[in-house]
């Protein structure tokens, strides 16, 4: 019996809290300002103007300083990014020749193209997490969630016959996650015109090579 393709949804760790339309507008304004002007120097008055809301509205939802807004933006961008990729996978899974792990990588790069300010802010969060133990703890569920999703997609590929039988799936998922993150970081920092396309192509090639290195070698019949 043929297995039904099912794109993995959001991991439990990445289920977003519900942001109201007003909160979303404020957070989008804040993330865009950070992308355009840098994180330092962004003031609540600037965010209110960009979001086209009263200063008191920003204060009501996020308090009187930028720290609360910064922390809320981390949760918002992280969950929004995972939702974007989950939706992308759901659409891709209906197409003939669907290969989930490849579509996951392509969808991640498409998120970078469509939501560049979000990706930029997420990289900023990773920098903060590298120097702040509290933020490292906040990042852990997202990091584990990404690895779990990759591992599920690898298992799906093996079950559907689009991937060979694989060993050390947990290690393989870690490698793919690191590869994807590194290539995304380079794509964001490289000023050349075709940086995103080039990094996506390189990442796909490298990922397939890593997957093949984990393929179970079949014994030849004597």
N, C-alpha and C. Protein backbone atom coordinates (compact mmCIF):
# COMPACT_ATOMS: atom_id res chain seq x y z
N UNK A 1 0.84 -1.19 0.00
CA UNK A 1 0.00 0.00 0.00
C UNK A 1 0.88 1.24 0.00
N UNK A 2 0.57 2.20 -0.87
CA UNK A 2 1.37 3.41 -0.99
C UNK A 2 1.22 4.28 0.24
N UNK A 3 2.32 4.85 0.67
CA UNK A 3 2.28 5.74 1.81
C UNK A 3 1.81 7.12 1.37
N UNK A 4 0.98 7.73 2.19
CA UNK A 4 0.50 9.07 1.89
C UNK A 4 1.51 10.09 2.36
N UNK A 5 1.82 11.04 1.47
CA UNK A 5 2.76 12.10 1.82
C UNK A 5 2.12 13.05 2.81
N UNK A 6 2.86 13.38 3.84
CA UNK A 6 2.35 14.31 4.84
C UNK A 6 3.47 15.23 5.26
N UNK A 7 3.32 16.51 4.97
CA UNK A 7 4.36 17.46 5.34
C UNK A 7 4.31 17.73 6.83
N UNK A 8 5.46 17.65 7.51
CA UNK A 8 5.47 17.92 8.95
C UNK A 8 5.02 19.35 9.24
N UNK A 9 4.20 19.52 10.27
CA UNK A 9 3.75 20.84 10.65
C UNK A 9 4.67 21.46 11.68
N UNK A 10 4.16 22.40 12.41
CA UNK A 10 4.95 23.06 13.44
C UNK A 10 5.26 22.08 14.57
N UNK A 11 6.48 22.14 15.07
CA UNK A 11 6.81 21.38 16.26
C UNK A 11 6.13 22.02 17.46
N UNK A 12 5.94 21.23 18.51
CA UNK A 12 5.26 21.76 19.70
C UNK A 12 5.99 22.96 20.27
N UNK A 13 7.32 22.94 20.21
CA UNK A 13 8.10 24.03 20.78
C UNK A 13 7.91 25.34 20.03
N UNK A 14 7.52 25.24 18.75
CA UNK A 14 7.42 26.44 17.93
C UNK A 14 5.98 26.93 17.74
N UNK A 15 5.05 26.33 18.43
CA UNK A 15 3.68 26.81 18.31
C UNK A 15 3.60 28.24 18.84
N UNK A 16 3.23 29.21 17.98
CA UNK A 16 3.27 30.60 18.41
C UNK A 16 2.10 30.95 19.30
N UNK A 17 2.33 31.91 20.19
CA UNK A 17 1.18 32.46 20.90
C UNK A 17 0.45 33.35 19.93
N UNK A 18 -0.80 33.63 20.19
CA UNK A 18 -1.58 34.45 19.28
C UNK A 18 -1.25 35.93 19.48
N UNK A 19 -0.74 36.56 18.44
CA UNK A 19 -0.53 38.00 18.45
C UNK A 19 -1.72 38.66 17.76
N UNK A 20 -2.23 39.71 18.36
CA UNK A 20 -3.34 40.44 17.75
C UNK A 20 -2.85 41.16 16.50
N UNK A 21 -3.79 41.64 15.70
CA UNK A 21 -3.42 42.38 14.49
C UNK A 21 -2.58 43.60 14.83
N UNK A 22 -2.91 44.27 15.92
CA UNK A 22 -2.15 45.46 16.33
C UNK A 22 -0.75 45.07 16.76
N UNK A 23 -0.62 44.01 17.56
CA UNK A 23 0.70 43.54 17.98
C UNK A 23 1.54 43.14 16.77
N UNK A 24 0.91 42.45 15.82
CA UNK A 24 1.63 42.02 14.62
C UNK A 24 2.14 43.22 13.84
N UNK A 25 1.31 44.25 13.69
CA UNK A 25 1.72 45.46 12.97
C UNK A 25 2.91 46.12 13.66
N UNK A 26 2.88 46.17 14.98
CA UNK A 26 3.97 46.78 15.75
C UNK A 26 5.25 45.97 15.60
N UNK A 27 5.13 44.65 15.72
CA UNK A 27 6.31 43.79 15.60
C UNK A 27 6.89 43.83 14.20
N UNK A 28 6.04 43.85 13.18
CA UNK A 28 6.53 43.96 11.80
C UNK A 28 7.26 45.28 11.60
N UNK A 29 6.72 46.34 12.15
CA UNK A 29 7.37 47.66 12.04
C UNK A 29 8.73 47.64 12.71
N UNK A 30 8.79 47.04 13.90
CA UNK A 30 10.05 46.98 14.64
C UNK A 30 11.10 46.17 13.88
N UNK A 31 10.72 45.01 13.37
CA UNK A 31 11.66 44.15 12.64
C UNK A 31 12.15 44.85 11.38
N UNK A 32 11.26 45.53 10.68
CA UNK A 32 11.65 46.24 9.46
C UNK A 32 12.60 47.39 9.78
N UNK A 33 12.34 48.12 10.85
CA UNK A 33 13.24 49.21 11.25
C UNK A 33 14.62 48.67 11.61
N UNK A 34 14.65 47.54 12.31
CA UNK A 34 15.93 46.92 12.66
C UNK A 34 16.70 46.55 11.39
N UNK A 35 15.99 46.04 10.40
CA UNK A 35 16.62 45.66 9.13
C UNK A 35 17.14 46.88 8.39
N UNK A 36 16.39 47.95 8.41
CA UNK A 36 16.75 49.15 7.65
C UNK A 36 17.81 50.00 8.33
N UNK A 37 17.78 50.04 9.67
CA UNK A 37 18.64 50.99 10.39
C UNK A 37 19.57 50.34 11.41
N UNK A 38 19.46 49.04 11.61
CA UNK A 38 20.22 48.40 12.68
C UNK A 38 19.43 48.38 13.97
N UNK A 39 19.75 47.42 14.83
CA UNK A 39 18.96 47.22 16.04
C UNK A 39 19.18 48.35 17.05
N UNK A 40 20.42 48.77 17.19
CA UNK A 40 20.70 49.83 18.15
C UNK A 40 20.11 51.14 17.67
N UNK A 41 19.56 51.89 18.58
CA UNK A 41 19.01 53.20 18.22
C UNK A 41 17.54 53.19 17.87
N UNK A 42 16.91 52.01 17.80
CA UNK A 42 15.48 51.96 17.52
C UNK A 42 14.72 52.31 18.80
N UNK A 43 13.86 53.30 18.71
CA UNK A 43 13.08 53.76 19.86
C UNK A 43 11.60 53.47 19.63
N UNK A 44 10.87 53.37 20.73
CA UNK A 44 9.45 53.06 20.64
C UNK A 44 8.69 54.09 19.82
N UNK A 45 9.10 55.35 19.89
CA UNK A 45 8.43 56.38 19.09
C UNK A 45 8.58 56.10 17.60
N UNK A 46 9.76 55.62 17.19
CA UNK A 46 9.99 55.27 15.79
C UNK A 46 9.10 54.11 15.37
N UNK A 47 8.97 53.13 16.25
CA UNK A 47 8.15 51.96 15.95
C UNK A 47 6.68 52.36 15.81
N UNK A 48 6.21 53.21 16.72
CA UNK A 48 4.82 53.67 16.67
C UNK A 48 4.54 54.39 15.35
N UNK A 49 5.46 55.23 14.94
CA UNK A 49 5.28 55.96 13.68
C UNK A 49 5.25 55.02 12.49
N UNK A 50 6.17 54.04 12.48
CA UNK A 50 6.24 53.08 11.37
C UNK A 50 4.99 52.21 11.31
N UNK A 51 4.50 51.82 12.49
CA UNK A 51 3.31 50.96 12.55
C UNK A 51 2.01 51.74 12.40
N UNK A 52 2.13 53.07 12.42
CA UNK A 52 0.96 53.96 12.30
C UNK A 52 -0.03 53.74 13.45
N UNK A 53 0.54 53.67 14.64
CA UNK A 53 -0.27 53.59 15.85
C UNK A 53 0.23 54.63 16.84
N UNK A 54 -0.56 54.90 17.85
CA UNK A 54 -0.16 55.86 18.88
C UNK A 54 0.97 55.27 19.72
N UNK A 55 1.82 56.15 20.25
CA UNK A 55 2.91 55.70 21.12
C UNK A 55 2.35 54.93 22.31
N UNK A 56 1.22 55.38 22.83
CA UNK A 56 0.60 54.71 23.97
C UNK A 56 0.20 53.29 23.66
N UNK A 57 -0.12 53.01 22.41
CA UNK A 57 -0.50 51.66 22.01
C UNK A 57 0.70 50.72 22.11
N UNK A 58 1.86 51.18 21.64
CA UNK A 58 3.08 50.38 21.75
C UNK A 58 3.41 50.14 23.23
N UNK A 59 3.27 51.18 24.02
CA UNK A 59 3.55 51.08 25.45
C UNK A 59 2.58 50.10 26.12
N UNK A 60 1.33 50.12 25.70
CA UNK A 60 0.31 49.25 26.29
C UNK A 60 0.65 47.77 26.05
N UNK A 61 1.06 47.45 24.83
CA UNK A 61 1.30 46.05 24.48
C UNK A 61 2.69 45.56 24.89
N UNK A 62 3.68 46.45 24.88
CA UNK A 62 5.06 45.99 25.06
C UNK A 62 5.82 46.73 26.16
N UNK A 63 5.13 47.51 26.97
CA UNK A 63 5.81 48.17 28.08
C UNK A 63 6.56 49.41 27.64
N UNK A 64 7.35 49.95 28.55
CA UNK A 64 7.97 51.25 28.29
C UNK A 64 9.40 51.21 27.79
N UNK A 65 9.94 50.02 27.47
CA UNK A 65 11.30 49.98 26.93
C UNK A 65 11.37 49.02 25.76
N UNK A 66 12.52 49.05 25.08
CA UNK A 66 12.67 48.26 23.86
C UNK A 66 12.93 46.78 24.14
N UNK A 67 13.33 46.43 25.35
CA UNK A 67 13.70 45.05 25.65
C UNK A 67 12.51 44.10 25.49
N UNK A 68 11.35 44.51 26.00
CA UNK A 68 10.16 43.66 25.87
C UNK A 68 9.79 43.47 24.40
N UNK A 69 9.93 44.53 23.62
CA UNK A 69 9.64 44.45 22.18
C UNK A 69 10.62 43.52 21.50
N UNK A 70 11.89 43.61 21.87
CA UNK A 70 12.92 42.76 21.29
C UNK A 70 12.62 41.28 21.57
N UNK A 71 12.27 40.95 22.80
CA UNK A 71 12.00 39.57 23.16
C UNK A 71 10.74 39.04 22.48
N UNK A 72 9.72 39.89 22.36
CA UNK A 72 8.51 39.47 21.67
C UNK A 72 8.78 39.25 20.19
N UNK A 73 9.64 40.09 19.62
CA UNK A 73 9.98 39.94 18.20
C UNK A 73 10.70 38.63 17.94
N UNK A 74 11.52 38.17 18.88
CA UNK A 74 12.21 36.88 18.73
C UNK A 74 11.19 35.75 18.62
N UNK A 75 10.23 35.74 19.53
CA UNK A 75 9.19 34.70 19.50
C UNK A 75 8.36 34.79 18.23
N UNK A 76 8.01 36.01 17.86
CA UNK A 76 7.17 36.23 16.68
C UNK A 76 7.86 35.77 15.40
N UNK A 77 9.10 36.22 15.20
CA UNK A 77 9.83 35.89 13.98
C UNK A 77 10.13 34.39 13.91
N UNK A 78 10.53 33.80 15.04
CA UNK A 78 10.83 32.37 15.03
C UNK A 78 9.63 31.53 14.66
N UNK A 79 8.49 31.81 15.28
CA UNK A 79 7.28 31.04 14.99
C UNK A 79 6.76 31.32 13.58
N UNK A 80 6.85 32.58 13.15
CA UNK A 80 6.39 32.94 11.80
C UNK A 80 7.23 32.24 10.74
N UNK A 81 8.54 32.14 10.98
CA UNK A 81 9.41 31.47 10.03
C UNK A 81 9.09 29.99 9.93
N UNK A 82 8.86 29.33 11.06
CA UNK A 82 8.53 27.91 11.02
C UNK A 82 7.17 27.68 10.37
N UNK A 83 6.24 28.59 10.61
CA UNK A 83 4.92 28.47 9.97
C UNK A 83 5.04 28.64 8.45
N UNK A 84 5.88 29.60 8.03
CA UNK A 84 6.08 29.82 6.59
C UNK A 84 6.58 28.52 5.94
N UNK A 85 7.57 27.89 6.55
CA UNK A 85 8.15 26.69 5.96
C UNK A 85 7.17 25.51 6.04
N UNK A 86 6.40 25.42 7.13
CA UNK A 86 5.39 24.36 7.23
C UNK A 86 4.34 24.51 6.13
N UNK A 87 3.91 25.74 5.88
CA UNK A 87 2.94 25.99 4.81
C UNK A 87 3.55 25.68 3.44
N UNK A 88 4.81 26.04 3.27
CA UNK A 88 5.50 25.76 2.00
C UNK A 88 5.55 24.25 1.76
N UNK A 89 5.90 23.50 2.79
CA UNK A 89 5.97 22.04 2.66
C UNK A 89 4.60 21.44 2.36
N UNK A 90 3.57 21.98 2.99
CA UNK A 90 2.22 21.46 2.76
C UNK A 90 1.82 21.64 1.29
N UNK A 91 2.17 22.78 0.72
CA UNK A 91 1.87 23.01 -0.71
C UNK A 91 2.72 22.10 -1.59
N UNK A 92 4.00 22.01 -1.28
CA UNK A 92 4.91 21.21 -2.10
C UNK A 92 4.57 19.73 -2.07
N UNK A 93 4.01 19.26 -0.96
CA UNK A 93 3.75 17.82 -0.80
C UNK A 93 2.67 17.30 -1.74
N UNK A 94 1.91 18.20 -2.36
CA UNK A 94 0.86 17.77 -3.29
C UNK A 94 1.38 17.60 -4.71
N UNK A 95 2.63 18.02 -4.97
CA UNK A 95 3.18 17.96 -6.32
C UNK A 95 3.83 16.61 -6.59
N UNK A 96 3.77 16.13 -7.85
CA UNK A 96 4.45 14.87 -8.19
C UNK A 96 5.96 14.99 -7.96
N UNK A 97 6.58 13.91 -7.54
CA UNK A 97 8.02 13.92 -7.33
C UNK A 97 8.47 14.64 -6.08
N UNK A 98 7.55 14.83 -5.15
CA UNK A 98 7.86 15.54 -3.90
C UNK A 98 8.97 14.84 -3.14
N UNK A 99 10.00 15.61 -2.76
CA UNK A 99 11.07 15.12 -1.89
C UNK A 99 11.16 16.10 -0.72
N UNK A 100 10.63 15.68 0.40
CA UNK A 100 10.44 16.58 1.53
C UNK A 100 11.68 17.30 2.00
N UNK A 101 12.80 16.57 2.13
CA UNK A 101 14.00 17.19 2.68
C UNK A 101 14.54 18.26 1.74
N UNK A 102 14.45 18.02 0.44
CA UNK A 102 14.89 19.04 -0.52
C UNK A 102 13.95 20.25 -0.49
N UNK A 103 12.65 19.99 -0.39
CA UNK A 103 11.69 21.09 -0.34
C UNK A 103 11.86 21.91 0.95
N UNK A 104 12.27 21.25 2.02
CA UNK A 104 12.54 21.97 3.27
C UNK A 104 13.66 22.98 3.07
N UNK A 105 14.72 22.54 2.41
CA UNK A 105 15.84 23.44 2.14
C UNK A 105 15.42 24.57 1.21
N UNK A 106 14.71 24.22 0.14
CA UNK A 106 14.27 25.24 -0.82
C UNK A 106 13.31 26.21 -0.16
N UNK A 107 12.40 25.69 0.68
CA UNK A 107 11.45 26.56 1.38
C UNK A 107 12.15 27.50 2.34
N UNK A 108 13.23 27.04 2.97
CA UNK A 108 13.99 27.89 3.88
C UNK A 108 14.62 29.06 3.14
N UNK A 109 15.16 28.78 1.96
CA UNK A 109 15.73 29.86 1.16
C UNK A 109 14.65 30.78 0.60
N UNK A 110 13.47 30.21 0.32
CA UNK A 110 12.37 31.06 -0.15
C UNK A 110 11.91 31.99 0.96
N UNK A 111 11.93 31.52 2.20
CA UNK A 111 11.62 32.39 3.34
C UNK A 111 12.62 33.54 3.40
N UNK A 112 13.88 33.23 3.16
CA UNK A 112 14.91 34.27 3.14
C UNK A 112 14.58 35.32 2.08
N UNK A 113 14.15 34.87 0.90
CA UNK A 113 13.82 35.81 -0.18
C UNK A 113 12.59 36.65 0.17
N UNK A 114 11.55 35.98 0.63
CA UNK A 114 10.27 36.66 0.85
C UNK A 114 10.24 37.47 2.14
N UNK A 115 11.02 37.06 3.13
CA UNK A 115 10.96 37.68 4.45
C UNK A 115 12.35 38.04 4.94
N UNK A 116 13.09 38.75 4.12
CA UNK A 116 14.49 39.05 4.44
C UNK A 116 14.65 39.78 5.78
N UNK A 117 13.80 40.77 6.12
CA UNK A 117 13.94 41.40 7.45
C UNK A 117 13.78 40.40 8.59
N UNK A 118 12.90 39.41 8.42
CA UNK A 118 12.72 38.38 9.44
C UNK A 118 14.00 37.55 9.60
N UNK A 119 14.55 37.12 8.47
CA UNK A 119 15.77 36.32 8.51
C UNK A 119 16.90 37.11 9.14
N UNK A 120 17.00 38.38 8.80
CA UNK A 120 18.04 39.23 9.37
C UNK A 120 17.90 39.32 10.89
N UNK A 121 16.66 39.48 11.34
CA UNK A 121 16.43 39.58 12.78
C UNK A 121 16.73 38.25 13.47
N UNK A 122 16.44 37.14 12.81
CA UNK A 122 16.71 35.83 13.38
C UNK A 122 18.20 35.61 13.54
N UNK A 123 18.99 36.07 12.58
CA UNK A 123 20.44 35.97 12.70
C UNK A 123 20.94 36.85 13.85
N UNK A 124 20.31 38.00 14.03
CA UNK A 124 20.64 38.87 15.16
C UNK A 124 20.37 38.13 16.48
N UNK A 125 19.26 37.41 16.52
CA UNK A 125 18.93 36.64 17.72
C UNK A 125 19.99 35.58 17.99
N UNK A 126 20.47 34.90 16.93
CA UNK A 126 21.50 33.90 17.12
C UNK A 126 22.78 34.53 17.66
N UNK A 127 23.10 35.72 17.19
CA UNK A 127 24.26 36.41 17.74
C UNK A 127 24.05 36.68 19.23
N UNK A 128 22.88 37.18 19.60
CA UNK A 128 22.60 37.45 21.01
C UNK A 128 22.67 36.17 21.84
N UNK A 129 22.15 35.08 21.27
CA UNK A 129 22.17 33.81 21.99
C UNK A 129 23.59 33.30 22.22
N UNK A 130 24.50 33.70 21.33
CA UNK A 130 25.89 33.24 21.48
C UNK A 130 26.59 33.91 22.66
N UNK A 131 26.06 35.04 23.14
CA UNK A 131 26.70 35.76 24.24
C UNK A 131 25.80 35.89 25.47
N UNK A 132 24.61 35.28 25.41
CA UNK A 132 23.65 35.42 26.50
C UNK A 132 23.05 34.04 26.81
N UNK A 133 23.35 33.50 27.97
CA UNK A 133 22.90 32.15 28.30
C UNK A 133 21.38 32.06 28.37
N UNK A 134 20.72 33.14 28.81
CA UNK A 134 19.27 33.14 28.87
C UNK A 134 18.64 33.02 27.50
N UNK A 135 19.19 33.73 26.52
CA UNK A 135 18.68 33.64 25.16
C UNK A 135 19.06 32.31 24.50
N UNK A 136 20.20 31.74 24.91
CA UNK A 136 20.53 30.40 24.41
C UNK A 136 19.47 29.40 24.82
N UNK A 137 19.00 29.53 26.06
CA UNK A 137 17.94 28.64 26.53
C UNK A 137 16.65 28.88 25.76
N UNK A 138 16.38 30.14 25.41
CA UNK A 138 15.18 30.46 24.64
C UNK A 138 15.27 29.90 23.23
N UNK A 139 16.49 29.80 22.70
CA UNK A 139 16.68 29.30 21.35
C UNK A 139 16.62 27.78 21.26
N UNK A 140 16.87 27.10 22.37
CA UNK A 140 16.97 25.64 22.36
C UNK A 140 15.74 24.96 21.76
N UNK A 141 14.49 25.35 22.13
CA UNK A 141 13.34 24.67 21.52
C UNK A 141 13.28 24.83 20.00
N UNK A 142 13.67 26.00 19.49
CA UNK A 142 13.67 26.20 18.04
C UNK A 142 14.73 25.33 17.38
N UNK A 143 15.90 25.26 18.01
CA UNK A 143 17.00 24.46 17.45
C UNK A 143 16.64 22.97 17.43
N UNK A 144 16.10 22.48 18.55
CA UNK A 144 15.69 21.08 18.61
C UNK A 144 14.54 20.81 17.65
N UNK A 145 13.61 21.76 17.56
CA UNK A 145 12.47 21.60 16.66
C UNK A 145 12.91 21.47 15.21
N UNK A 146 13.89 22.28 14.81
CA UNK A 146 14.39 22.22 13.43
C UNK A 146 15.04 20.86 13.16
N UNK A 147 15.83 20.37 14.11
CA UNK A 147 16.48 19.08 13.91
C UNK A 147 15.46 17.95 13.86
N UNK A 148 14.43 18.04 14.70
CA UNK A 148 13.39 17.01 14.71
C UNK A 148 12.62 17.00 13.39
N UNK A 149 12.35 18.17 12.88
CA UNK A 149 11.63 18.24 11.61
C UNK A 149 12.47 17.64 10.49
N UNK A 150 13.75 17.96 10.46
CA UNK A 150 14.64 17.39 9.44
C UNK A 150 14.68 15.88 9.56
N UNK A 151 14.77 15.37 10.79
CA UNK A 151 14.82 13.92 10.99
C UNK A 151 13.52 13.26 10.52
N UNK A 152 12.39 13.90 10.77
CA UNK A 152 11.11 13.36 10.30
C UNK A 152 11.05 13.33 8.78
N UNK A 153 11.57 14.38 8.15
CA UNK A 153 11.57 14.42 6.68
C UNK A 153 12.49 13.35 6.10
N UNK A 154 13.59 13.09 6.77
CA UNK A 154 14.48 12.01 6.32
C UNK A 154 13.79 10.66 6.45
N UNK A 155 13.11 10.43 7.56
CA UNK A 155 12.36 9.18 7.75
C UNK A 155 11.27 9.04 6.71
N UNK A 156 10.60 10.15 6.42
CA UNK A 156 9.55 10.15 5.39
C UNK A 156 10.12 9.77 4.04
N UNK A 157 11.29 10.35 3.71
CA UNK A 157 11.92 10.06 2.43
C UNK A 157 12.30 8.60 2.29
N UNK A 158 12.81 8.01 3.36
CA UNK A 158 13.16 6.59 3.35
C UNK A 158 11.90 5.74 3.16
N UNK A 159 10.84 6.08 3.90
CA UNK A 159 9.59 5.32 3.82
C UNK A 159 8.96 5.41 2.43
N UNK A 160 9.06 6.57 1.80
CA UNK A 160 8.46 6.76 0.47
C UNK A 160 9.36 6.26 -0.66
N UNK A 161 10.61 5.92 -0.33
CA UNK A 161 11.53 5.43 -1.35
C UNK A 161 12.23 6.51 -2.13
N UNK A 162 12.11 7.77 -1.70
CA UNK A 162 12.81 8.86 -2.39
C UNK A 162 14.22 9.06 -1.84
N UNK A 163 14.52 8.39 -0.72
CA UNK A 163 15.85 8.40 -0.14
C UNK A 163 16.28 6.97 0.13
N UNK A 164 17.58 6.69 0.10
CA UNK A 164 18.04 5.34 0.43
C UNK A 164 17.88 5.08 1.93
N UNK A 165 18.03 3.85 2.33
CA UNK A 165 18.03 3.54 3.76
C UNK A 165 19.22 4.24 4.40
N UNK A 166 18.98 4.89 5.53
CA UNK A 166 20.00 5.75 6.14
C UNK A 166 20.35 5.28 7.55
N UNK A 167 21.58 5.54 7.96
CA UNK A 167 21.97 5.26 9.33
C UNK A 167 22.30 6.57 10.06
N UNK A 168 22.31 6.51 11.38
CA UNK A 168 22.62 7.68 12.21
C UNK A 168 21.80 8.91 11.82
N UNK A 169 20.48 8.74 11.86
CA UNK A 169 19.59 9.82 11.41
C UNK A 169 19.73 11.08 12.26
N UNK A 170 19.91 10.92 13.56
CA UNK A 170 20.03 12.09 14.42
C UNK A 170 21.27 12.90 14.06
N UNK A 171 22.38 12.22 13.84
CA UNK A 171 23.61 12.90 13.43
C UNK A 171 23.44 13.57 12.08
N UNK A 172 22.78 12.87 11.15
CA UNK A 172 22.55 13.42 9.82
C UNK A 172 21.69 14.68 9.89
N UNK A 173 20.66 14.66 10.73
CA UNK A 173 19.80 15.83 10.88
C UNK A 173 20.59 17.02 11.42
N UNK A 174 21.51 16.77 12.35
CA UNK A 174 22.35 17.83 12.89
C UNK A 174 23.24 18.43 11.79
N UNK A 175 23.80 17.58 10.96
CA UNK A 175 24.66 18.04 9.88
C UNK A 175 23.88 18.92 8.89
N UNK A 176 22.67 18.46 8.52
CA UNK A 176 21.87 19.22 7.55
C UNK A 176 21.44 20.55 8.15
N UNK A 177 21.08 20.54 9.42
CA UNK A 177 20.67 21.78 10.07
C UNK A 177 21.82 22.79 10.09
N UNK A 178 23.03 22.31 10.42
CA UNK A 178 24.20 23.18 10.45
C UNK A 178 24.53 23.70 9.05
N UNK A 179 24.42 22.82 8.07
CA UNK A 179 24.69 23.20 6.68
C UNK A 179 23.72 24.28 6.21
N UNK A 180 22.45 24.08 6.52
CA UNK A 180 21.43 25.02 6.09
C UNK A 180 21.61 26.38 6.77
N UNK A 181 21.89 26.35 8.07
CA UNK A 181 22.08 27.60 8.79
C UNK A 181 23.29 28.35 8.26
N UNK A 182 24.40 27.65 8.05
CA UNK A 182 25.61 28.30 7.56
C UNK A 182 25.43 28.90 6.18
N UNK A 183 24.77 28.17 5.29
CA UNK A 183 24.57 28.69 3.94
C UNK A 183 23.61 29.87 3.93
N UNK A 184 22.61 29.84 4.82
CA UNK A 184 21.70 30.98 4.93
C UNK A 184 22.41 32.21 5.45
N UNK A 185 23.30 32.01 6.42
CA UNK A 185 24.07 33.13 6.96
C UNK A 185 24.94 33.76 5.87
N UNK A 186 25.63 32.92 5.08
CA UNK A 186 26.47 33.43 3.99
C UNK A 186 25.62 34.19 2.97
N UNK A 187 24.45 33.63 2.63
CA UNK A 187 23.57 34.27 1.66
C UNK A 187 23.14 35.66 2.12
N UNK A 188 22.91 35.82 3.42
CA UNK A 188 22.49 37.11 3.96
C UNK A 188 23.64 38.12 3.97
N UNK A 189 24.86 37.64 4.13
CA UNK A 189 26.01 38.55 4.28
C UNK A 189 26.72 38.83 2.96
N UNK A 190 26.54 37.98 1.99
CA UNK A 190 27.21 38.15 0.69
C UNK A 190 26.48 39.23 -0.12
N UNK A 191 27.18 40.31 -0.50
CA UNK A 191 26.51 41.40 -1.22
C UNK A 191 26.28 41.14 -2.71
N UNK A 192 26.81 40.04 -3.23
CA UNK A 192 26.66 39.79 -4.67
C UNK A 192 25.20 39.54 -5.03
N UNK A 193 24.88 39.84 -6.27
CA UNK A 193 23.49 39.83 -6.73
C UNK A 193 22.83 38.46 -6.61
N UNK A 194 23.55 37.41 -6.94
CA UNK A 194 22.97 36.07 -6.99
C UNK A 194 23.37 35.22 -5.79
N UNK A 195 23.64 35.86 -4.66
CA UNK A 195 24.14 35.13 -3.49
C UNK A 195 23.16 34.07 -3.01
N UNK A 196 21.87 34.42 -2.95
CA UNK A 196 20.88 33.48 -2.43
C UNK A 196 20.77 32.25 -3.34
N UNK A 197 20.68 32.49 -4.63
CA UNK A 197 20.56 31.38 -5.58
C UNK A 197 21.81 30.50 -5.54
N UNK A 198 22.98 31.14 -5.45
CA UNK A 198 24.23 30.37 -5.42
C UNK A 198 24.31 29.52 -4.16
N UNK A 199 23.96 30.10 -3.01
CA UNK A 199 24.04 29.35 -1.76
C UNK A 199 23.00 28.24 -1.72
N UNK A 200 21.82 28.47 -2.29
CA UNK A 200 20.81 27.41 -2.34
C UNK A 200 21.32 26.24 -3.16
N UNK A 201 21.91 26.54 -4.30
CA UNK A 201 22.44 25.48 -5.17
C UNK A 201 23.55 24.70 -4.48
N UNK A 202 24.47 25.43 -3.82
CA UNK A 202 25.56 24.77 -3.12
C UNK A 202 25.04 23.93 -1.94
N UNK A 203 24.06 24.48 -1.23
CA UNK A 203 23.51 23.77 -0.08
C UNK A 203 22.81 22.49 -0.50
N UNK A 204 22.07 22.53 -1.60
CA UNK A 204 21.40 21.33 -2.10
C UNK A 204 22.42 20.25 -2.46
N UNK A 205 23.48 20.66 -3.16
CA UNK A 205 24.50 19.72 -3.56
C UNK A 205 25.20 19.11 -2.34
N UNK A 206 25.54 19.97 -1.38
CA UNK A 206 26.22 19.48 -0.17
C UNK A 206 25.30 18.58 0.65
N UNK A 207 24.03 18.94 0.73
CA UNK A 207 23.10 18.12 1.50
C UNK A 207 22.96 16.73 0.90
N UNK A 208 22.83 16.65 -0.42
CA UNK A 208 22.70 15.35 -1.06
C UNK A 208 23.96 14.51 -0.85
N UNK A 209 25.13 15.16 -0.85
CA UNK A 209 26.37 14.43 -0.61
C UNK A 209 26.42 13.90 0.81
N UNK A 210 25.96 14.70 1.77
CA UNK A 210 25.95 14.27 3.17
C UNK A 210 24.95 13.12 3.36
N UNK A 211 23.79 13.23 2.73
CA UNK A 211 22.79 12.15 2.81
C UNK A 211 23.37 10.85 2.25
N UNK A 212 24.02 10.94 1.09
CA UNK A 212 24.60 9.74 0.48
C UNK A 212 25.69 9.12 1.36
N UNK A 213 26.39 9.97 2.12
CA UNK A 213 27.43 9.45 3.01
C UNK A 213 26.84 8.67 4.17
N UNK A 214 25.54 8.87 4.44
CA UNK A 214 24.86 8.13 5.52
C UNK A 214 24.03 6.98 4.99
N UNK A 215 24.09 6.72 3.68
CA UNK A 215 23.33 5.62 3.10
C UNK A 215 23.88 4.28 3.58
N UNK A 216 22.98 3.38 3.90
CA UNK A 216 23.38 2.04 4.35
C UNK A 216 23.93 1.28 3.14
N UNK A 217 25.14 0.77 3.28
CA UNK A 217 25.77 0.02 2.18
C UNK A 217 25.20 -1.40 2.18
N UNK A 218 24.65 -1.75 1.05
CA UNK A 218 24.07 -3.08 0.91
C UNK A 218 25.16 -4.11 0.58
N UNK A 219 25.06 -5.25 1.25
CA UNK A 219 26.03 -6.31 0.98
C UNK A 219 25.74 -6.98 -0.36
N UNK A 220 26.80 -7.18 -1.10
CA UNK A 220 26.62 -7.85 -2.38
C UNK A 220 26.47 -9.35 -2.17
N UNK A 221 25.53 -9.91 -2.90
CA UNK A 221 25.32 -11.36 -2.81
C UNK A 221 26.50 -12.11 -3.41
N UNK A 222 26.94 -13.15 -2.74
CA UNK A 222 28.06 -13.96 -3.25
C UNK A 222 27.60 -14.95 -4.30
